[in-house]
Amino acid sequence: MTKFGPGDVILYSYLWGREYDRGEESGRKTRQTCVMIILRGQEGKKTTLLFPIASRRPDPRADAIEIPEIEARRATLYTPAWIIVDEFNSDDLETSFAIEDAEPLGAFSRKFMARVAAAAAIAIRKGSIRAIPRR
């Protein structure tokens, strides 16, 4: 069983919304992904919201936060890098087949994660955030 928490950066087969729209069910490659929040639903089932990390500058229309160098070092990432906050995968990490490694690469600080959460909240209010369910 894996144990991840908010702010952890993991290797995960992220499924982009454009891939999901074409009927794909798994991500094309493993990428660094940020564990944003873990929700406990009915019957105690956990669902984790996972935000993708990109090493290429995102489209200017995308909602993204550039990862500061100190945060990138904490998470074992190269810079420049961005967290995309206008889409996420929802998955149960305790049973997911999309996880590459049971250990996180590193973790972002709580302060930086508060910035990410605030940016995601703005995307939610704008109606521009998209959830891609896994399974």
Protein backbone atom coordinates (compact mmCIF):
# COMPACT_ATOMS: atom_id res chain seq x y z
CA MET A 1 0.00 0.00 0.00
CA THR A 2 1.32 3.45 -0.91
CA LYS A 3 1.39 6.37 1.47
CA PHE A 4 1.39 9.76 -0.18
CA GLY A 5 0.41 13.13 1.18
CA PRO A 6 -0.43 16.58 -0.18
CA GLY A 7 2.60 18.18 -1.77
CA ASP A 8 4.33 14.92 -2.63
CA VAL A 9 5.70 14.67 -6.15
CA ILE A 10 5.30 11.19 -7.61
CA LEU A 11 5.90 9.39 -10.88
CA TYR A 12 2.46 8.76 -12.32
CA SER A 13 1.04 7.88 -15.73
CA TYR A 14 -0.97 11.10 -16.07
CA LEU A 15 -3.92 11.07 -18.48
CA TRP A 16 -4.37 14.47 -20.15
CA GLY A 17 -7.88 15.70 -20.89
CA ARG A 18 -7.21 15.66 -24.65
CA GLU A 19 -6.20 11.98 -24.41
CA TYR A 20 -9.29 11.17 -22.33
CA ASP A 21 -11.47 12.91 -24.95
CA ARG A 22 -10.07 10.54 -27.60
CA GLY A 23 -11.14 7.55 -25.50
CA GLU A 24 -7.72 6.72 -24.08
CA GLU A 25 -7.73 5.16 -20.61
CA SER A 26 -4.10 5.46 -19.54
CA GLY A 27 -1.46 8.13 -19.83
CA ARG A 28 1.06 7.87 -22.63
CA LYS A 29 4.07 8.35 -20.38
CA THR A 30 5.02 8.55 -16.77
CA ARG A 31 5.55 12.09 -15.54
CA GLN A 32 6.13 13.96 -12.33
CA THR A 33 2.76 14.71 -10.79
CA CYS A 34 1.84 16.62 -7.66
CA VAL A 35 -0.47 15.07 -5.06
CA MET A 36 -2.80 17.97 -4.30
CA ILE A 37 -5.47 16.71 -1.95
CA ILE A 38 -6.76 13.40 -0.67
CA LEU A 39 -10.51 13.13 -0.18
CA ARG A 40 -12.28 10.41 1.76
CA GLY A 41 -15.58 9.48 0.16
CA GLN A 42 -18.32 7.03 0.90
CA GLU A 43 -17.32 3.88 2.71
CA GLY A 44 -13.90 5.39 3.47
CA LYS A 45 -12.65 5.18 -0.11
CA LYS A 46 -9.87 7.69 -0.80
CA THR A 47 -9.68 9.75 -3.95
CA THR A 48 -6.57 11.76 -4.70
CA LEU A 49 -6.44 14.81 -6.94
CA LEU A 50 -3.22 14.82 -8.99
CA PHE A 51 -1.92 17.85 -10.88
CA PRO A 52 0.54 17.38 -13.75
CA ILE A 53 3.99 18.96 -13.82
CA ALA A 54 5.30 20.19 -17.17
CA SER A 55 8.89 20.92 -18.15
CA ARG A 56 7.84 22.93 -21.21
CA ARG A 57 6.21 26.34 -20.89
CA PRO A 58 2.43 25.76 -20.96
CA ASP A 59 0.13 27.41 -23.45
CA PRO A 60 -0.53 31.00 -22.28
CA ARG A 61 -4.25 30.15 -22.00
CA ALA A 62 -3.53 27.37 -19.48
CA ASP A 63 -3.69 28.06 -15.77
CA ALA A 64 -0.25 27.13 -14.47
CA ILE A 65 2.20 28.13 -11.76
CA GLU A 66 5.92 28.23 -12.39
CA ILE A 67 7.75 26.19 -9.77
CA PRO A 68 10.41 28.25 -7.97
CA GLU A 69 13.92 26.81 -8.00
CA ILE A 70 13.97 26.03 -4.27
CA GLU A 71 10.68 24.13 -4.56
CA ALA A 72 11.98 22.27 -7.61
CA ARG A 73 15.01 21.14 -5.60
CA ARG A 74 12.76 19.92 -2.77
CA ALA A 75 10.82 17.84 -5.29
CA THR A 76 13.86 16.65 -7.29
CA LEU A 77 12.77 18.50 -10.43
CA TYR A 78 14.70 20.39 -13.07
CA THR A 79 13.81 23.99 -13.81
CA PRO A 80 12.00 25.50 -15.48
CA ALA A 81 8.89 23.56 -14.53
CA TRP A 82 5.20 24.35 -14.04
CA ILE A 83 2.23 22.83 -12.22
CA ILE A 84 -0.84 22.85 -14.44
CA VAL A 85 -3.83 23.77 -12.27
CA ASP A 86 -6.70 23.79 -14.75
CA GLU A 87 -6.94 20.00 -15.00
CA PHE A 88 -6.27 17.06 -12.74
CA ASN A 89 -6.62 13.29 -12.54
CA SER A 90 -8.68 11.79 -9.72
CA ASP A 91 -7.52 8.34 -8.65
CA ASP A 92 -7.34 5.97 -5.70
CA LEU A 93 -3.59 5.74 -5.16
CA GLU A 94 -3.96 2.71 -2.89
CA THR A 95 -5.16 0.60 -5.83
CA SER A 96 -3.93 2.56 -8.86
CA PHE A 97 -1.94 0.91 -11.63
CA ALA A 98 -0.73 4.33 -12.84
CA ILE A 99 1.89 4.78 -10.09
CA GLU A 100 5.47 4.15 -11.19
CA ASP A 101 7.11 4.09 -7.75
CA ALA A 102 5.77 3.64 -4.23
CA GLU A 103 8.06 6.40 -2.91
CA PRO A 104 7.67 10.11 -3.68
CA LEU A 105 10.50 11.90 -5.50
CA GLY A 106 10.25 14.76 -3.01
CA ALA A 107 7.70 17.22 -1.74
CA PHE A 108 6.73 20.86 -2.06
CA SER A 109 6.48 23.10 1.01
CA ARG A 110 3.12 23.87 2.59
CA LYS A 111 3.53 27.52 1.65
CA PHE A 112 3.98 26.68 -2.04
CA MET A 113 1.09 24.21 -1.93
CA ALA A 114 -1.11 26.99 -0.56
CA ARG A 115 -0.27 28.99 -3.72
CA VAL A 116 -1.15 25.98 -5.88
CA ALA A 117 -4.45 25.50 -4.02
CA ALA A 118 -5.30 29.20 -4.42
CA ALA A 119 -4.60 29.02 -8.18
CA ALA A 120 -6.76 25.89 -8.49
CA ALA A 121 -9.56 27.65 -6.57
CA ILE A 122 -9.42 30.52 -9.07
CA ALA A 123 -9.68 28.02 -11.95
CA ILE A 124 -12.68 26.43 -10.22
CA ARG A 125 -14.40 29.81 -9.83
CA LYS A 126 -13.72 30.61 -13.51
CA GLY A 127 -15.17 27.22 -14.47
CA SER A 128 -11.97 26.36 -16.33
CA ILE A 129 -10.81 23.38 -14.27
CA ARG A 130 -11.29 19.87 -15.57
CA ALA A 131 -11.35 16.58 -13.68
CA ILE A 132 -10.21 13.45 -15.51
CA PRO A 133 -11.38 10.37 -13.60
CA ARG A 134 -9.20 7.28 -13.59
CA ARG A 135 -11.25 4.04 -13.59
